Amino acid sequence: MNPSIQNKPPSPVQVLGLPLHLLADYGAWLGDRLRSALSTHVVTLNAEMAMQAEADSQLAAVIHQADLVVPDGAGVVFYLGLRGHRIQRCPGIELAEQVLQQAEIEGWSVFFYGGQPGVAEAAARHWQDRCPGLNLVGVADGYGDATAQRQMVDTLERLHPQLIFVGLGVPRQEFWIQQHRDRCPQSTWIGVGGSFDIWAQVKSRAPLFLRNNNLEWTYRLYQEPWRWRRMLALPQFAWKALRGE
């Protein structure tokens, strides 16, 4: 296949008016983009983010401008299933892990940004143990003051890593990527939410049974009960899905 065709963004379907791209292998598509040095912003869409975007036009605009939007959450899979699209979840953390493993093979440079102090560093050590050949060129937490933030972005521009993982949570990470992606115009930027916490073993993923049955959100609520107000978005999203919105 012609690489220029492969590298074109796939045609999206709609989830509450937001784009979502259906691909057989998201990691392979990103690999083609990385080899072609094409600027790419990846959004991992779930029901909670979709509901946030419905109330926040700026977040919706960023999602519309992303180059790849993947079905991260069970709610999104449910929504599309009601509309005849039989798809599998693509959890953001699993996509990130797939791309990192490929990065070791291809020699792509990687930068981790986000999380509380020490977390991204611990996540980086985890990956350097797991993939000794990974070219991890930099790490920074998300809690620096304005001066530290400017210096970090300058460092990012100087290093120009091919893969930049941003773990600032939704929607902050999406806004941050949109604001700064022109500083590294040949890079792939992926918002990874709380993945650094899991790689750093600060938190754990849900047991496989819950993941396989689209119940990972229940484990997150168990670990972070303060999220219950945000989780109210899930039944609202399900109701909209059933109503055909």
Protein backbone atom coordinates (compact mmCIF):
# COMPACT_ATOMS: atom_id res chain seq x y z
CA MET A 1 0.00 0.00 0.00
CA ASN A 2 1.15 3.52 -0.76
CA PRO A 3 2.57 5.00 2.49
CA SER A 4 0.89 8.34 1.74
CA ILE A 5 -2.47 6.53 1.77
CA GLN A 6 -1.65 4.64 4.96
CA ASN A 7 -0.71 7.85 6.73
CA LYS A 8 -3.95 9.68 6.00
CA PRO A 9 -6.23 9.91 9.06
CA PRO A 10 -8.97 7.26 8.79
CA SER A 11 -12.55 8.38 8.29
CA PRO A 12 -14.27 8.67 11.69
CA VAL A 13 -17.62 7.54 13.02
CA GLN A 14 -19.48 9.73 15.53
CA VAL A 15 -19.94 9.35 19.31
CA LEU A 16 -22.18 12.13 20.64
CA GLY A 17 -20.95 14.22 17.74
CA LEU A 18 -17.29 13.48 18.46
CA PRO A 19 -15.05 11.68 15.96
CA LEU A 20 -13.79 8.16 16.65
CA HIS A 21 -11.57 6.23 14.24
CA LEU A 22 -12.09 2.54 13.57
CA LEU A 23 -8.91 0.63 12.73
CA ALA A 24 -7.92 -3.01 12.93
CA ASP A 25 -4.52 -2.12 14.44
CA TYR A 26 -4.05 1.34 15.95
CA GLY A 27 -0.44 0.63 16.88
CA ALA A 28 0.50 -0.28 13.31
CA TRP A 29 -1.08 2.93 12.00
CA LEU A 30 0.84 4.98 14.54
CA GLY A 31 4.03 3.18 13.55
CA ASP A 32 3.52 4.31 9.96
CA ARG A 33 3.02 7.89 11.15
CA LEU A 34 6.17 7.76 13.27
CA ARG A 35 8.27 6.39 10.41
CA SER A 36 6.97 9.20 8.21
CA ALA A 37 7.67 11.83 10.92
CA LEU A 38 4.09 13.13 10.78
CA SER A 39 2.71 15.18 13.66
CA THR A 40 0.07 13.09 15.44
CA HIS A 41 -2.16 13.77 18.44
CA VAL A 42 -3.84 10.68 19.91
CA VAL A 43 -6.95 10.96 22.10
CA THR A 44 -8.27 7.96 24.03
CA LEU A 45 -12.01 8.52 24.20
CA ASN A 46 -14.28 7.12 26.91
CA ALA A 47 -17.79 7.95 28.08
CA GLU A 48 -16.62 10.33 30.79
CA MET A 49 -14.55 12.36 28.31
CA ALA A 50 -17.42 12.40 25.81
CA MET A 51 -19.74 13.86 28.45
CA GLN A 52 -17.13 16.42 29.45
CA ALA A 53 -16.77 17.46 25.82
CA GLU A 54 -20.54 17.86 25.49
CA ALA A 55 -20.35 20.51 28.23
CA ASP A 56 -16.99 21.99 27.16
CA SER A 57 -16.81 23.23 23.58
CA GLN A 58 -13.06 23.80 23.83
CA LEU A 59 -12.45 20.15 24.72
CA ALA A 60 -14.76 19.06 21.91
CA ALA A 61 -12.76 21.23 19.49
CA VAL A 62 -9.48 19.62 20.56
CA ILE A 63 -10.93 16.12 20.07
CA HIS A 64 -12.16 17.10 16.61
CA GLN A 65 -8.68 18.32 15.73
CA ALA A 66 -6.91 15.15 16.97
CA ASP A 67 -5.37 12.90 14.33
CA LEU A 68 -6.45 9.66 16.00
CA VAL A 69 -9.29 9.05 18.47
CA VAL A 70 -9.48 5.50 19.83
CA PRO A 71 -12.26 3.68 21.74
CA ASP A 72 -10.76 3.57 25.21
CA GLY A 73 -13.92 2.94 27.24
CA ALA A 74 -16.61 0.27 27.45
CA GLY A 75 -19.31 2.94 27.14
CA VAL A 76 -18.00 4.00 23.75
CA VAL A 77 -17.97 0.37 22.58
CA PHE A 78 -21.57 0.01 23.82
CA TYR A 79 -22.63 3.20 22.05
CA LEU A 80 -21.17 2.11 18.72
CA GLY A 81 -22.48 -1.45 19.11
CA LEU A 82 -26.02 -0.05 19.24
CA ARG A 83 -25.29 1.57 15.89
CA GLY A 84 -23.98 -1.54 14.17
CA HIS A 85 -20.25 -1.13 14.76
CA ARG A 86 -18.85 -4.26 16.43
CA ILE A 87 -15.53 -3.10 17.82
CA GLN A 88 -13.08 -3.98 20.56
CA ARG A 89 -11.92 -1.59 23.26
CA CYS A 90 -8.49 -0.12 22.77
CA PRO A 91 -7.44 0.88 26.31
CA GLY A 92 -5.05 3.79 26.15
CA ILE A 93 -2.56 2.14 28.48
CA GLU A 94 -2.40 -0.95 26.25
CA LEU A 95 -1.94 1.13 23.11
CA ALA A 96 0.85 3.08 24.86
CA GLU A 97 2.54 -0.17 25.89
CA GLN A 98 2.32 -1.53 22.35
CA VAL A 99 3.91 1.63 20.96
CA LEU A 100 6.65 1.66 23.62
CA GLN A 101 7.60 -1.92 22.83
CA GLN A 102 7.79 -0.99 19.15
CA ALA A 103 9.84 2.09 20.06
CA GLU A 104 12.55 -0.13 21.52
CA ILE A 105 12.74 -2.09 18.26
CA GLU A 106 12.64 0.97 16.00
CA GLY A 107 14.88 3.17 18.16
CA TRP A 108 12.29 5.93 18.51
CA SER A 109 13.09 8.52 21.18
CA VAL A 110 10.58 8.84 24.05
CA PHE A 111 9.69 11.51 26.64
CA PHE A 112 7.43 11.10 29.71
CA TYR A 113 5.67 14.19 31.05
CA GLY A 114 3.15 14.36 33.88
CA GLY A 115 2.15 12.80 37.17
CA GLN A 116 3.13 13.75 40.69
CA PRO A 117 6.82 14.28 41.52
CA GLY A 118 8.73 11.03 41.24
CA VAL A 119 5.97 9.10 39.46
CA ALA A 120 7.10 9.64 35.86
CA GLU A 121 10.67 8.81 36.93
CA ALA A 122 9.50 5.53 38.48
CA ALA A 123 7.47 4.78 35.35
CA ALA A 124 10.58 5.44 33.26
CA ARG A 125 12.63 3.01 35.39
CA HIS A 126 9.91 0.40 34.93
CA TRP A 127 10.13 0.73 31.17
CA GLN A 128 13.92 0.78 31.09
CA ASP A 129 13.90 -2.48 33.06
CA ARG A 130 11.23 -3.94 30.80
CA CYS A 131 12.76 -2.69 27.53
CA PRO A 132 16.50 -2.10 28.14
CA GLY A 133 17.01 -0.74 24.64
CA LEU A 134 14.29 1.92 24.94
CA ASN A 135 15.62 5.38 24.05
CA LEU A 136 13.95 7.33 26.85
CA VAL A 137 15.46 10.79 26.50
CA GLY A 138 13.63 12.73 29.20
CA VAL A 139 11.18 12.76 32.10
CA ALA A 140 9.35 15.59 33.86
CA ASP A 141 6.53 15.73 36.39
CA GLY A 142 3.44 17.89 35.98
CA TYR A 143 3.87 19.99 39.13
CA GLY A 144 6.57 22.50 38.22
CA ASP A 145 5.96 26.25 38.50
CA ALA A 146 5.59 28.44 35.42
CA THR A 147 9.35 28.88 35.03
CA ALA A 148 9.99 25.15 35.30
CA GLN A 149 7.23 24.50 32.79
CA ARG A 150 8.77 26.88 30.25
CA GLN A 151 12.17 25.31 30.73
CA MET A 152 10.70 21.85 30.27
CA VAL A 153 9.00 22.82 27.01
CA ASP A 154 12.26 24.36 25.78
CA THR A 155 14.02 21.09 26.62
CA LEU A 156 11.32 19.17 24.79
CA GLU A 157 11.81 21.34 21.71
CA ARG A 158 15.58 20.83 21.85
CA LEU A 159 15.34 17.05 22.23
CA HIS A 160 12.46 16.74 19.76
CA PRO A 161 11.50 13.22 20.90
CA GLN A 162 9.51 11.16 18.43
CA LEU A 163 7.07 9.93 21.09
CA ILE A 164 5.74 12.17 23.85
CA PHE A 165 3.50 10.63 26.52
CA VAL A 166 1.51 13.18 28.54
CA GLY A 167 -0.13 12.11 31.80
CA LEU A 168 -1.93 15.18 33.12
CA GLY A 169 -5.46 13.80 33.25
CA VAL A 170 -8.46 14.81 31.16
CA PRO A 171 -8.93 17.47 29.91
CA ARG A 172 -5.69 19.13 30.96
CA GLN A 173 -3.48 16.79 28.93
CA GLU A 174 -5.55 17.32 25.77
CA PHE A 175 -5.34 21.10 26.09
CA TRP A 176 -1.62 20.94 26.86
CA ILE A 177 -0.85 18.82 23.82
CA GLN A 178 -2.89 21.05 21.54
CA GLN A 179 -1.07 24.11 22.91
CA HIS A 180 2.46 22.73 22.55
CA ARG A 181 2.47 20.24 19.67
CA ASP A 182 3.85 22.84 17.25
CA ARG A 183 7.07 22.89 19.32
CA CYS A 184 7.80 19.34 18.11
CA PRO A 185 6.03 19.22 14.74
CA GLN A 186 7.22 15.72 13.77
CA SER A 187 6.28 14.00 17.03
CA THR A 188 3.48 11.69 18.12
CA TRP A 189 1.72 12.91 21.28
CA ILE A 190 -0.41 10.54 23.36
CA GLY A 191 -2.46 11.51 26.41
CA VAL A 192 -2.06 8.61 28.83
CA GLY A 193 -4.06 9.76 31.87
CA GLY A 194 -3.05 7.72 34.92
CA SER A 195 -0.81 5.23 33.09
CA PHE A 196 2.33 6.57 34.78
CA ASP A 197 0.79 5.71 38.18
CA ILE A 198 0.26 2.11 37.07
CA TRP A 199 3.71 1.72 35.52
CA ALA A 200 5.22 3.25 38.67
CA GLN A 201 3.15 0.77 40.77
CA VAL A 202 1.52 3.62 42.66
CA LYS A 203 -1.80 2.12 41.53
CA SER A 204 -2.83 -1.15 39.92
CA ARG A 205 -5.01 -2.02 36.96
CA ALA A 206 -8.28 -3.85 37.43
CA PRO A 207 -8.15 -7.67 37.50
CA LEU A 208 -8.33 -9.28 34.07
CA PHE A 209 -11.88 -10.53 34.70
CA LEU A 210 -13.16 -6.97 35.14
CA ARG A 211 -11.22 -5.74 32.11
CA ASN A 212 -12.55 -8.51 29.89
CA ASN A 213 -16.13 -7.78 30.96
CA ASN A 214 -15.99 -4.00 30.46
CA LEU A 215 -16.05 -3.35 34.22
CA GLU A 216 -12.67 -1.73 34.68
CA TRP A 217 -14.42 1.49 35.72
CA THR A 218 -15.72 -0.24 38.88
CA TYR A 219 -12.17 -0.96 40.02
CA ARG A 220 -11.14 2.63 39.35
CA LEU A 221 -14.05 3.79 41.51
CA TYR A 222 -12.96 1.35 44.24
CA GLN A 223 -9.42 2.75 44.14
CA GLU A 224 -10.53 6.38 43.85
CA PRO A 225 -13.94 6.77 45.54
CA TRP A 226 -13.65 10.54 45.24
CA ARG A 227 -14.37 10.04 41.52
CA TRP A 228 -18.02 9.13 42.17
CA ARG A 229 -19.33 12.49 41.05
CA ARG A 230 -17.47 12.19 37.77
CA MET A 231 -18.73 8.62 37.35
CA LEU A 232 -22.30 9.96 37.28
CA ALA A 233 -21.50 10.75 33.66
CA LEU A 234 -21.60 7.03 32.84
CA PRO A 235 -25.37 6.41 33.30
CA GLN A 236 -26.04 9.75 31.57
CA PHE A 237 -23.94 8.61 28.62
CA ALA A 238 -25.69 5.21 28.54
CA TRP A 239 -29.08 6.93 28.49
CA LYS A 240 -28.01 9.09 25.56
CA ALA A 241 -26.74 5.99 23.77
CA LEU A 242 -30.05 4.22 24.23
CA ARG A 243 -32.02 7.27 23.13
CA GLY A 244 -30.04 7.41 19.90
CA GLU A 245 -28.37 10.77 20.52
